[in-house]
Amino acid sequence: MVIKRPTKILSVKDQIAEQLRSDIISGELPPNTKLNEKVLAERFGLSRGPIRDVILQLSKEGLLISKNNCGASVNSLLDVKLQKLMINLRRSIELFAIDQLKDSLTEEDFQELENILNELQAAFDKEDYTKVTKVDISFHHYLIYKAGGDELINIWYPYVMRMRLNYKRLTTSSACVQEHRLILDSLKSGDINKAARAVKANIK
């Protein structure tokens, strides 16, 4: 039986943040693009107050950077050394999470992760690569949250979002889905070491 996830109701600010994330991930808003509060307020039909809140939120996530008297802009690409550091930090967090998940996931958890993989394949089939990125992140987000709740999410999330600005690794849909499938199947079988190796192979 496939468990259908309930539709999450987002606040207006969350909807705007989600749209701007999509714009950044898709490249519609490239690195170093300056954001104009007035233009954004007009685009979304809001006052500047909520827009400032969204900018602050996305700055905390690492997608935007705000400077005094300069406004906000899309963050720049990381140089090679910093990108490698980000990869290592993210791997460390996710390997910690995998270790915490030993014998703790339920059948409902496994079904939810299966649903996410189905979404991932569907996004590839539609060639919606912004959706692919978001669903990919949601798979890891689910595991991180199950391992450490909001506290661990708050440590992990800025790394994964910041890395997305540099993300150029091309892969086929079958390879990407298979990488995540290996993580899930290893967790199902209780082989934490194999799951850890699969996570390390996926984060590049």
N, C-alpha and C. Protein backbone atom coordinates (compact mmCIF):
# COMPACT_ATOMS: atom_id res chain seq x y z
N MET A 1 0.84 -1.20 0.00
CA MET A 1 0.00 0.00 0.00
C MET A 1 0.88 1.24 0.00
N VAL A 2 0.56 2.18 -0.87
CA VAL A 2 1.30 3.45 -0.93
C VAL A 2 0.64 4.46 0.00
N ILE A 3 1.43 5.00 0.89
CA ILE A 3 0.92 6.01 1.82
C ILE A 3 1.04 7.37 1.17
N LYS A 4 -0.06 8.06 1.02
CA LYS A 4 -0.03 9.39 0.42
C LYS A 4 0.19 10.43 1.49
N ARG A 5 1.21 11.25 1.29
CA ARG A 5 1.51 12.29 2.27
C ARG A 5 0.49 13.40 2.21
N PRO A 6 0.10 13.92 3.37
CA PRO A 6 -0.83 15.05 3.37
C PRO A 6 -0.19 16.28 2.75
N THR A 7 -0.98 17.09 2.09
CA THR A 7 -0.48 18.31 1.49
C THR A 7 -0.12 19.31 2.59
N LYS A 8 1.10 19.81 2.52
CA LYS A 8 1.56 20.76 3.52
C LYS A 8 1.09 22.16 3.13
N ILE A 9 0.42 22.82 4.06
CA ILE A 9 -0.07 24.17 3.80
C ILE A 9 1.01 25.17 4.20
N LEU A 10 1.48 25.94 3.22
CA LEU A 10 2.55 26.90 3.46
C LEU A 10 2.00 28.29 3.68
N SER A 11 2.63 29.04 4.56
CA SER A 11 2.27 30.44 4.73
C SER A 11 2.71 31.21 3.49
N VAL A 12 2.22 32.44 3.35
CA VAL A 12 2.59 33.26 2.20
C VAL A 12 4.10 33.46 2.15
N LYS A 13 4.71 33.74 3.31
CA LYS A 13 6.16 33.94 3.34
C LYS A 13 6.90 32.67 2.94
N ASP A 14 6.40 31.52 3.39
CA ASP A 14 7.03 30.26 3.01
C ASP A 14 6.90 30.00 1.51
N GLN A 15 5.76 30.37 0.95
CA GLN A 15 5.56 30.20 -0.49
C GLN A 15 6.54 31.07 -1.28
N ILE A 16 6.74 32.30 -0.83
CA ILE A 16 7.68 33.20 -1.51
C ILE A 16 9.11 32.66 -1.37
N ALA A 17 9.45 32.21 -0.17
CA ALA A 17 10.79 31.65 0.03
C ALA A 17 11.01 30.45 -0.88
N GLU A 18 9.99 29.61 -1.02
CA GLU A 18 10.09 28.43 -1.87
C GLU A 18 10.27 28.81 -3.34
N GLN A 19 9.56 29.85 -3.77
CA GLN A 19 9.69 30.31 -5.15
C GLN A 19 11.09 30.86 -5.42
N LEU A 20 11.60 31.64 -4.47
CA LEU A 20 12.95 32.20 -4.65
C LEU A 20 14.01 31.10 -4.61
N ARG A 21 13.81 30.08 -3.78
CA ARG A 21 14.73 28.94 -3.79
C ARG A 21 14.74 28.30 -5.17
N SER A 22 13.55 28.12 -5.73
CA SER A 22 13.44 27.52 -7.07
C SER A 22 14.16 28.38 -8.10
N ASP A 23 13.99 29.69 -8.00
CA ASP A 23 14.64 30.61 -8.95
C ASP A 23 16.16 30.52 -8.86
N ILE A 24 16.66 30.35 -7.64
CA ILE A 24 18.10 30.26 -7.44
C ILE A 24 18.63 28.90 -7.90
N ILE A 25 17.94 27.82 -7.51
CA ILE A 25 18.37 26.47 -7.89
C ILE A 25 18.35 26.28 -9.40
N SER A 26 17.33 26.85 -10.06
CA SER A 26 17.19 26.69 -11.51
C SER A 26 18.17 27.55 -12.30
N GLY A 27 18.75 28.55 -11.63
CA GLY A 27 19.67 29.46 -12.31
C GLY A 27 19.00 30.69 -12.85
N GLU A 28 17.67 30.79 -12.65
CA GLU A 28 16.97 32.00 -13.09
C GLU A 28 17.50 33.22 -12.36
N LEU A 29 17.89 33.02 -11.10
CA LEU A 29 18.60 34.05 -10.34
C LEU A 29 20.02 33.54 -10.13
N PRO A 30 20.96 33.90 -11.02
CA PRO A 30 22.32 33.37 -10.93
C PRO A 30 23.08 33.95 -9.73
N PRO A 31 24.22 33.33 -9.38
CA PRO A 31 25.07 33.85 -8.30
C PRO A 31 25.40 35.33 -8.52
N ASN A 32 25.40 36.07 -7.42
CA ASN A 32 25.75 37.50 -7.36
C ASN A 32 24.64 38.43 -7.87
N THR A 33 23.47 37.86 -8.24
CA THR A 33 22.35 38.70 -8.66
C THR A 33 21.83 39.51 -7.47
N LYS A 34 21.73 40.82 -7.63
CA LYS A 34 21.20 41.65 -6.56
C LYS A 34 19.67 41.57 -6.53
N LEU A 35 19.12 41.55 -5.33
CA LEU A 35 17.67 41.50 -5.16
C LEU A 35 17.16 42.86 -4.71
N ASN A 36 16.10 43.29 -5.33
CA ASN A 36 15.50 44.58 -5.01
C ASN A 36 14.21 44.35 -4.23
N GLU A 37 14.18 44.83 -2.99
CA GLU A 37 13.00 44.60 -2.14
C GLU A 37 11.72 45.13 -2.79
N LYS A 38 11.82 46.30 -3.38
CA LYS A 38 10.63 46.92 -4.00
C LYS A 38 10.11 46.07 -5.15
N VAL A 39 11.03 45.60 -5.99
CA VAL A 39 10.65 44.77 -7.14
C VAL A 39 10.02 43.47 -6.66
N LEU A 40 10.62 42.85 -5.64
CA LEU A 40 10.07 41.60 -5.11
C LEU A 40 8.71 41.82 -4.47
N ALA A 41 8.55 42.94 -3.76
CA ALA A 41 7.27 43.25 -3.13
C ALA A 41 6.18 43.41 -4.20
N GLU A 42 6.51 44.05 -5.30
CA GLU A 42 5.56 44.22 -6.39
C GLU A 42 5.25 42.89 -7.07
N ARG A 43 6.28 42.08 -7.23
CA ARG A 43 6.10 40.77 -7.87
C ARG A 43 5.12 39.89 -7.10
N PHE A 44 5.25 39.90 -5.76
CA PHE A 44 4.44 39.01 -4.95
C PHE A 44 3.23 39.71 -4.32
N GLY A 45 3.07 41.00 -4.60
CA GLY A 45 1.91 41.73 -4.11
C GLY A 45 1.89 41.91 -2.61
N LEU A 46 3.06 42.16 -2.03
CA LEU A 46 3.16 42.32 -0.57
C LEU A 46 3.92 43.60 -0.24
N SER A 47 3.90 43.94 1.04
CA SER A 47 4.73 45.05 1.50
C SER A 47 6.17 44.55 1.63
N ARG A 48 7.08 45.48 1.92
CA ARG A 48 8.48 45.08 2.02
C ARG A 48 8.80 44.27 3.27
N GLY A 49 7.96 44.41 4.31
CA GLY A 49 8.23 43.71 5.57
C GLY A 49 8.37 42.20 5.39
N PRO A 50 7.36 41.52 4.82
CA PRO A 50 7.49 40.08 4.61
C PRO A 50 8.64 39.71 3.69
N ILE A 51 8.92 40.57 2.71
CA ILE A 51 10.04 40.31 1.79
C ILE A 51 11.35 40.31 2.57
N ARG A 52 11.50 41.27 3.49
CA ARG A 52 12.71 41.32 4.31
C ARG A 52 12.84 40.04 5.14
N ASP A 53 11.71 39.56 5.66
CA ASP A 53 11.74 38.32 6.45
C ASP A 53 12.21 37.14 5.60
N VAL A 54 11.75 37.08 4.36
CA VAL A 54 12.15 36.00 3.46
C VAL A 54 13.63 36.10 3.13
N ILE A 55 14.09 37.31 2.87
CA ILE A 55 15.51 37.52 2.57
C ILE A 55 16.37 37.08 3.76
N LEU A 56 15.94 37.41 4.96
CA LEU A 56 16.67 37.00 6.16
C LEU A 56 16.71 35.48 6.25
N GLN A 57 15.57 34.84 5.99
CA GLN A 57 15.49 33.38 6.05
C GLN A 57 16.45 32.73 5.05
N LEU A 58 16.44 33.22 3.81
CA LEU A 58 17.28 32.62 2.78
C LEU A 58 18.76 32.96 3.00
N SER A 59 19.02 34.06 3.69
CA SER A 59 20.41 34.39 4.06
C SER A 59 20.92 33.39 5.09
N LYS A 60 20.07 33.03 6.04
CA LYS A 60 20.45 32.04 7.05
C LYS A 60 20.70 30.69 6.41
N GLU A 61 19.99 30.40 5.31
CA GLU A 61 20.16 29.13 4.61
C GLU A 61 21.42 29.12 3.75
N GLY A 62 22.00 30.29 3.51
CA GLY A 62 23.21 30.36 2.71
C GLY A 62 22.98 30.64 1.24
N LEU A 63 21.71 30.79 0.83
CA LEU A 63 21.43 31.07 -0.57
C LEU A 63 21.63 32.54 -0.92
N LEU A 64 21.35 33.42 0.03
CA LEU A 64 21.53 34.86 -0.17
C LEU A 64 22.59 35.37 0.79
N ILE A 65 23.11 36.54 0.47
CA ILE A 65 24.04 37.22 1.37
C ILE A 65 23.58 38.66 1.49
N SER A 66 23.49 39.15 2.70
CA SER A 66 23.05 40.52 2.95
C SER A 66 24.19 41.31 3.57
N LYS A 67 24.40 42.51 3.05
CA LYS A 67 25.44 43.39 3.59
C LYS A 67 24.83 44.75 3.89
N ASN A 68 25.29 45.35 4.97
CA ASN A 68 24.81 46.68 5.34
C ASN A 68 25.00 47.67 4.20
N ASN A 69 23.94 48.40 3.90
CA ASN A 69 23.95 49.45 2.88
C ASN A 69 24.13 48.93 1.45
N CYS A 70 24.16 47.60 1.29
CA CYS A 70 24.32 47.03 -0.06
C CYS A 70 23.13 46.16 -0.46
N GLY A 71 22.25 45.90 0.47
CA GLY A 71 21.11 45.04 0.17
C GLY A 71 21.51 43.58 0.12
N ALA A 72 20.66 42.78 -0.52
CA ALA A 72 20.87 41.33 -0.58
C ALA A 72 21.14 40.90 -2.01
N SER A 73 21.90 39.84 -2.14
CA SER A 73 22.16 39.28 -3.45
C SER A 73 22.31 37.76 -3.32
N VAL A 74 22.18 37.07 -4.45
CA VAL A 74 22.40 35.63 -4.45
C VAL A 74 23.86 35.37 -4.12
N ASN A 75 24.11 34.40 -3.26
CA ASN A 75 25.48 34.14 -2.83
C ASN A 75 26.36 33.75 -4.02
N SER A 76 27.64 33.96 -3.88
CA SER A 76 28.59 33.64 -4.94
C SER A 76 28.92 32.16 -4.91
N LEU A 77 29.52 31.69 -6.00
CA LEU A 77 29.99 30.31 -6.04
C LEU A 77 31.18 30.15 -5.10
N LEU A 78 31.27 28.99 -4.49
CA LEU A 78 32.41 28.68 -3.63
C LEU A 78 33.61 28.32 -4.49
N ASP A 79 34.81 28.67 -4.02
CA ASP A 79 35.98 28.19 -4.75
C ASP A 79 36.16 26.71 -4.47
N VAL A 80 37.06 26.08 -5.19
CA VAL A 80 37.19 24.62 -5.15
C VAL A 80 37.50 24.12 -3.73
N LYS A 81 38.39 24.80 -3.03
CA LYS A 81 38.78 24.36 -1.68
C LYS A 81 37.60 24.43 -0.72
N LEU A 82 36.84 25.53 -0.80
CA LEU A 82 35.69 25.67 0.10
C LEU A 82 34.57 24.68 -0.26
N GLN A 83 34.41 24.42 -1.56
CA GLN A 83 33.41 23.44 -1.96
C GLN A 83 33.76 22.05 -1.41
N LYS A 84 35.03 21.69 -1.46
CA LYS A 84 35.46 20.40 -0.90
C LYS A 84 35.21 20.36 0.60
N LEU A 85 35.47 21.50 1.26
CA LEU A 85 35.22 21.57 2.70
C LEU A 85 33.73 21.37 2.99
N MET A 86 32.88 22.03 2.21
CA MET A 86 31.43 21.88 2.39
C MET A 86 31.00 20.42 2.21
N ILE A 87 31.55 19.77 1.20
CA ILE A 87 31.22 18.37 0.95
C ILE A 87 31.61 17.52 2.15
N ASN A 88 32.80 17.75 2.69
CA ASN A 88 33.27 16.97 3.84
C ASN A 88 32.42 17.22 5.08
N LEU A 89 32.02 18.48 5.29
CA LEU A 89 31.19 18.81 6.44
C LEU A 89 29.81 18.17 6.31
N ARG A 90 29.24 18.26 5.11
CA ARG A 90 27.92 17.63 4.90
C ARG A 90 28.00 16.12 5.08
N ARG A 91 29.04 15.51 4.53
CA ARG A 91 29.20 14.07 4.70
C ARG A 91 29.28 13.69 6.17
N SER A 92 30.05 14.47 6.94
CA SER A 92 30.20 14.17 8.37
C SER A 92 28.86 14.19 9.09
N ILE A 93 28.05 15.19 8.76
CA ILE A 93 26.74 15.31 9.40
C ILE A 93 25.85 14.13 8.99
N GLU A 94 25.85 13.80 7.71
CA GLU A 94 24.96 12.73 7.25
C GLU A 94 25.42 11.35 7.74
N LEU A 95 26.73 11.16 7.86
CA LEU A 95 27.22 9.90 8.40
C LEU A 95 26.88 9.78 9.88
N PHE A 96 26.93 10.90 10.59
CA PHE A 96 26.48 10.92 11.99
C PHE A 96 25.01 10.53 12.06
N ALA A 97 24.21 11.09 11.15
CA ALA A 97 22.77 10.80 11.14
C ALA A 97 22.51 9.32 10.86
N ILE A 98 23.21 8.77 9.89
CA ILE A 98 23.04 7.35 9.55
C ILE A 98 23.31 6.48 10.77
N ASP A 99 24.35 6.82 11.50
CA ASP A 99 24.69 6.05 12.70
C ASP A 99 23.58 6.12 13.75
N GLN A 100 22.92 7.29 13.84
CA GLN A 100 21.84 7.46 14.81
C GLN A 100 20.58 6.69 14.41
N LEU A 101 20.47 6.37 13.13
CA LEU A 101 19.24 5.75 12.61
C LEU A 101 19.22 4.23 12.77
N LYS A 102 20.28 3.65 13.27
CA LYS A 102 20.36 2.19 13.39
C LYS A 102 19.17 1.64 14.18
N ASP A 103 18.42 0.77 13.52
CA ASP A 103 17.26 0.07 14.13
C ASP A 103 16.16 1.02 14.62
N SER A 104 16.10 2.24 14.07
CA SER A 104 15.10 3.19 14.56
C SER A 104 14.01 3.52 13.54
N LEU A 105 14.23 3.20 12.28
CA LEU A 105 13.25 3.52 11.26
C LEU A 105 12.13 2.47 11.21
N THR A 106 10.92 2.95 11.00
CA THR A 106 9.75 2.08 10.97
C THR A 106 9.34 1.77 9.53
N GLU A 107 8.38 0.86 9.38
CA GLU A 107 7.85 0.56 8.05
C GLU A 107 7.24 1.80 7.41
N GLU A 108 6.62 2.65 8.21
CA GLU A 108 6.06 3.90 7.69
C GLU A 108 7.17 4.81 7.16
N ASP A 109 8.29 4.84 7.88
CA ASP A 109 9.44 5.63 7.41
C ASP A 109 9.94 5.11 6.07
N PHE A 110 10.08 3.80 5.97
CA PHE A 110 10.56 3.22 4.72
C PHE A 110 9.59 3.49 3.57
N GLN A 111 8.29 3.44 3.85
CA GLN A 111 7.32 3.73 2.80
C GLN A 111 7.38 5.19 2.37
N GLU A 112 7.58 6.07 3.34
CA GLU A 112 7.70 7.50 3.02
C GLU A 112 8.93 7.74 2.14
N LEU A 113 10.02 7.09 2.45
CA LEU A 113 11.23 7.23 1.65
C LEU A 113 11.03 6.64 0.25
N GLU A 114 10.27 5.56 0.17
CA GLU A 114 9.91 4.99 -1.14
C GLU A 114 9.11 6.01 -1.95
N ASN A 115 8.17 6.67 -1.30
CA ASN A 115 7.37 7.69 -1.98
C ASN A 115 8.25 8.81 -2.53
N ILE A 116 9.25 9.20 -1.74
CA ILE A 116 10.15 10.26 -2.18
C ILE A 116 10.94 9.80 -3.41
N LEU A 117 11.39 8.55 -3.41
CA LEU A 117 12.12 8.04 -4.58
C LEU A 117 11.22 7.99 -5.82
N ASN A 118 9.95 7.68 -5.61
CA ASN A 118 9.00 7.71 -6.74
C ASN A 118 8.86 9.13 -7.29
N GLU A 119 8.83 10.11 -6.39
CA GLU A 119 8.77 11.52 -6.80
C GLU A 119 10.02 11.90 -7.56
N LEU A 120 11.16 11.40 -7.09
CA LEU A 120 12.44 11.71 -7.74
C LEU A 120 12.45 11.19 -9.17
N GLN A 121 12.00 9.95 -9.35
CA GLN A 121 11.95 9.38 -10.69
C GLN A 121 10.97 10.15 -11.58
N ALA A 122 9.82 10.52 -11.01
CA ALA A 122 8.82 11.26 -11.78
C ALA A 122 9.36 12.62 -12.23
N ALA A 123 10.12 13.27 -11.36
CA ALA A 123 10.71 14.57 -11.71
C ALA A 123 11.72 14.41 -12.84
N PHE A 124 12.52 13.34 -12.80
CA PHE A 124 13.45 13.07 -13.89
C PHE A 124 12.69 12.81 -15.19
N ASP A 125 11.61 12.03 -15.09
CA ASP A 125 10.84 11.70 -16.29
C ASP A 125 10.28 12.95 -16.95
N LYS A 126 9.94 13.94 -16.14
CA LYS A 126 9.40 15.20 -16.66
C LYS A 126 10.51 16.20 -17.03
N GLU A 127 11.77 15.80 -16.76
CA GLU A 127 12.93 16.66 -16.99
C GLU A 127 12.80 17.98 -16.23
N ASP A 128 12.22 17.89 -15.04
CA ASP A 128 12.08 19.06 -14.16
C ASP A 128 13.22 19.00 -13.16
N TYR A 129 14.37 19.59 -13.53
CA TYR A 129 15.56 19.40 -12.73
C TYR A 129 15.59 20.26 -11.47
N THR A 130 14.78 21.31 -11.45
CA THR A 130 14.61 22.05 -10.19
C THR A 130 13.88 21.17 -9.18
N LYS A 131 12.85 20.48 -9.66
CA LYS A 131 12.11 19.54 -8.81
C LYS A 131 13.01 18.39 -8.38
N VAL A 132 13.83 17.90 -9.30
CA VAL A 132 14.77 16.84 -8.97
C VAL A 132 15.64 17.24 -7.78
N THR A 133 16.17 18.46 -7.84
CA THR A 133 17.02 18.95 -6.75
C THR A 133 16.27 19.01 -5.44
N LYS A 134 15.04 19.53 -5.48
CA LYS A 134 14.26 19.67 -4.26
C LYS A 134 13.91 18.31 -3.65
N VAL A 135 13.53 17.36 -4.52
CA VAL A 135 13.17 16.03 -4.01
C VAL A 135 14.40 15.31 -3.49
N ASP A 136 15.51 15.46 -4.19
CA ASP A 136 16.78 14.90 -3.71
C ASP A 136 17.07 15.40 -2.29
N ILE A 137 16.96 16.70 -2.09
CA ILE A 137 17.20 17.28 -0.77
C ILE A 137 16.20 16.74 0.25
N SER A 138 14.95 16.56 -0.18
CA SER A 138 13.91 16.10 0.76
C SER A 138 14.19 14.69 1.27
N PHE A 139 14.81 13.85 0.43
CA PHE A 139 15.19 12.49 0.85
C PHE A 139 16.18 12.57 2.01
N HIS A 140 17.22 13.37 1.84
CA HIS A 140 18.23 13.52 2.88
C HIS A 140 17.65 14.23 4.10
N HIS A 141 16.80 15.22 3.85
CA HIS A 141 16.16 15.97 4.94
C HIS A 141 15.38 15.02 5.84
N TYR A 142 14.67 14.08 5.23
CA TYR A 142 13.87 13.14 6.01
C TYR A 142 14.76 12.33 6.97
N LEU A 143 15.87 11.84 6.45
CA LEU A 143 16.78 11.04 7.27
C LEU A 143 17.43 11.88 8.37
N ILE A 144 17.84 13.08 8.01
CA ILE A 144 18.47 13.96 9.00
C ILE A 144 17.49 14.28 10.13
N TYR A 145 16.24 14.58 9.76
CA TYR A 145 15.24 14.92 10.77
C TYR A 145 14.97 13.72 11.69
N LYS A 146 14.84 12.53 11.10
CA LYS A 146 14.59 11.34 11.91
C LYS A 146 15.75 11.07 12.86
N ALA A 147 16.95 11.46 12.46
CA ALA A 147 18.13 11.18 13.28
C ALA A 147 18.32 12.19 14.40
N GLY A 148 17.96 13.45 14.15
CA GLY A 148 18.27 14.47 15.16
C GLY A 148 17.31 15.62 15.26
N GLY A 149 16.16 15.53 14.58
CA GLY A 149 15.15 16.57 14.70
C GLY A 149 15.62 17.91 14.15
N ASP A 150 14.94 18.96 14.60
CA ASP A 150 15.24 20.31 14.09
C ASP A 150 16.66 20.76 14.42
N GLU A 151 17.19 20.30 15.54
CA GLU A 151 18.53 20.73 15.93
C GLU A 151 19.57 20.30 14.90
N LEU A 152 19.48 19.04 14.46
CA LEU A 152 20.43 18.56 13.45
C LEU A 152 20.13 19.16 12.08
N ILE A 153 18.85 19.34 11.77
CA ILE A 153 18.47 19.99 10.51
C ILE A 153 19.09 21.38 10.43
N ASN A 154 19.05 22.14 11.50
CA ASN A 154 19.56 23.51 11.50
C ASN A 154 21.07 23.55 11.28
N ILE A 155 21.77 22.50 11.66
CA ILE A 155 23.21 22.42 11.40
C ILE A 155 23.46 22.05 9.94
N TRP A 156 22.69 21.09 9.44
CA TRP A 156 22.91 20.51 8.12
C TRP A 156 22.42 21.37 6.96
N TYR A 157 21.25 21.99 7.11
CA TYR A 157 20.56 22.61 5.99
C TYR A 157 21.37 23.70 5.27
N PRO A 158 22.04 24.61 5.98
CA PRO A 158 22.81 25.64 5.26
C PRO A 158 23.91 25.06 4.38
N TYR A 159 24.50 23.93 4.79
CA TYR A 159 25.55 23.32 3.97
C TYR A 159 24.98 22.79 2.67
N VAL A 160 23.88 22.07 2.76
CA VAL A 160 23.33 21.46 1.54
C VAL A 160 22.81 22.52 0.58
N MET A 161 22.21 23.59 1.10
CA MET A 161 21.71 24.64 0.22
C MET A 161 22.84 25.44 -0.40
N ARG A 162 23.87 25.71 0.38
CA ARG A 162 25.01 26.46 -0.16
C ARG A 162 25.71 25.67 -1.25
N MET A 163 25.83 24.36 -1.06
CA MET A 163 26.45 23.50 -2.06
C MET A 163 25.70 23.54 -3.38
N ARG A 164 24.39 23.76 -3.33
CA ARG A 164 23.58 23.71 -4.54
C ARG A 164 23.97 24.80 -5.54
N LEU A 165 24.54 25.88 -5.06
CA LEU A 165 24.96 26.95 -5.96
C LEU A 165 26.11 26.49 -6.86
N ASN A 166 26.89 25.52 -6.38
CA ASN A 166 28.02 25.00 -7.14
C ASN A 166 27.69 23.69 -7.85
N TYR A 167 26.47 23.20 -7.65
CA TYR A 167 26.16 21.83 -8.06
C TYR A 167 26.14 21.69 -9.57
N LYS A 168 27.14 20.96 -10.10
CA LYS A 168 27.23 20.76 -11.54
C LYS A 168 27.34 19.28 -11.90
N ARG A 169 27.24 18.40 -10.88
CA ARG A 169 27.41 16.97 -11.14
C ARG A 169 26.26 16.46 -11.97
N LEU A 170 26.55 15.99 -13.18
CA LEU A 170 25.53 15.47 -14.06
C LEU A 170 25.43 13.97 -13.90
N THR A 171 24.24 13.47 -13.87
CA THR A 171 24.04 12.03 -13.72
C THR A 171 22.74 11.65 -14.40
N THR A 172 22.63 10.40 -14.78
CA THR A 172 21.38 9.94 -15.38
C THR A 172 20.36 9.73 -14.28
N SER A 173 19.09 9.68 -14.68
CA SER A 173 18.03 9.47 -13.69
C SER A 173 18.22 8.13 -13.00
N SER A 174 18.59 7.10 -13.76
CA SER A 174 18.74 5.78 -13.16
C SER A 174 19.87 5.77 -12.15
N ALA A 175 20.97 6.47 -12.46
CA ALA A 175 22.10 6.51 -11.52
C ALA A 175 21.73 7.25 -10.25
N CYS A 176 21.07 8.40 -10.39
CA CYS A 176 20.70 9.20 -9.22
C CYS A 176 19.72 8.44 -8.33
N VAL A 177 18.68 7.89 -8.93
CA VAL A 177 17.69 7.15 -8.15
C VAL A 177 18.34 5.92 -7.51
N GLN A 178 19.23 5.27 -8.25
CA GLN A 178 19.89 4.07 -7.72
C GLN A 178 20.77 4.40 -6.52
N GLU A 179 21.44 5.55 -6.56
CA GLU A 179 22.27 5.96 -5.42
C GLU A 179 21.41 6.09 -4.16
N HIS A 180 20.25 6.70 -4.29
CA HIS A 180 19.36 6.86 -3.15
C HIS A 180 18.70 5.52 -2.77
N ARG A 181 18.42 4.70 -3.79
CA ARG A 181 17.86 3.37 -3.53
C ARG A 181 18.81 2.53 -2.69
N LEU A 182 20.11 2.64 -2.97
CA LEU A 182 21.10 1.88 -2.21
C LEU A 182 21.12 2.32 -0.75
N ILE A 183 21.00 3.61 -0.51
CA ILE A 183 20.93 4.10 0.87
C ILE A 183 19.73 3.50 1.57
N LEU A 184 18.56 3.57 0.91
CA LEU A 184 17.33 3.07 1.51
C LEU A 184 17.38 1.57 1.75
N ASP A 185 17.81 0.81 0.76
CA ASP A 185 17.86 -0.64 0.90
C ASP A 185 18.83 -1.07 2.00
N SER A 186 19.92 -0.34 2.13
CA SER A 186 20.89 -0.66 3.19
C SER A 186 20.29 -0.41 4.57
N LEU A 187 19.53 0.68 4.69
CA LEU A 187 18.86 0.96 5.96
C LEU A 187 17.79 -0.08 6.26
N LYS A 188 17.07 -0.50 5.22
CA LYS A 188 16.03 -1.53 5.40
C LYS A 188 16.64 -2.83 5.93
N SER A 189 17.81 -3.17 5.40
CA SER A 189 18.44 -4.43 5.80
C SER A 189 19.21 -4.32 7.11
N GLY A 190 19.31 -3.08 7.61
CA GLY A 190 20.01 -2.87 8.86
C GLY A 190 21.52 -2.81 8.73
N ASP A 191 22.00 -2.70 7.49
CA ASP A 191 23.45 -2.65 7.25
C ASP A 191 23.89 -1.18 7.26
N ILE A 192 24.21 -0.69 8.45
CA ILE A 192 24.56 0.72 8.61
C ILE A 192 25.86 1.07 7.90
N ASN A 193 26.82 0.16 7.91
CA ASN A 193 28.09 0.42 7.24
C ASN A 193 27.88 0.58 5.73
N LYS A 194 27.04 -0.25 5.15
CA LYS A 194 26.75 -0.16 3.72
C LYS A 194 25.99 1.13 3.42
N ALA A 195 25.07 1.51 4.31
CA ALA A 195 24.32 2.76 4.15
C ALA A 195 25.27 3.95 4.19
N ALA A 196 26.24 3.91 5.09
CA ALA A 196 27.22 4.99 5.21
C ALA A 196 28.06 5.10 3.94
N ARG A 197 28.47 3.98 3.40
CA ARG A 197 29.24 4.01 2.16
C ARG A 197 28.40 4.57 1.01
N ALA A 198 27.12 4.25 0.99
CA ALA A 198 26.23 4.74 -0.05
C ALA A 198 26.03 6.26 0.06
N VAL A 199 25.95 6.76 1.28
CA VAL A 199 25.83 8.20 1.51
C VAL A 199 27.09 8.91 1.02
N LYS A 200 28.25 8.38 1.37
CA LYS A 200 29.52 8.98 0.95
C LYS A 200 29.63 9.02 -0.57
N ALA A 201 29.16 7.96 -1.23
CA ALA A 201 29.23 7.90 -2.69
C ALA A 201 28.26 8.90 -3.34
N ASN A 202 27.16 9.18 -2.65
CA ASN A 202 26.12 10.08 -3.21
C ASN A 202 26.51 11.54 -3.07
N ILE A 203 27.22 11.89 -2.00
CA ILE A 203 27.56 13.30 -1.76
C ILE A 203 28.91 13.59 -2.39
N LYS A 204 28.87 14.27 -3.55
CA LYS A 204 30.09 14.55 -4.30
C LYS A 204 30.14 16.02 -4.69
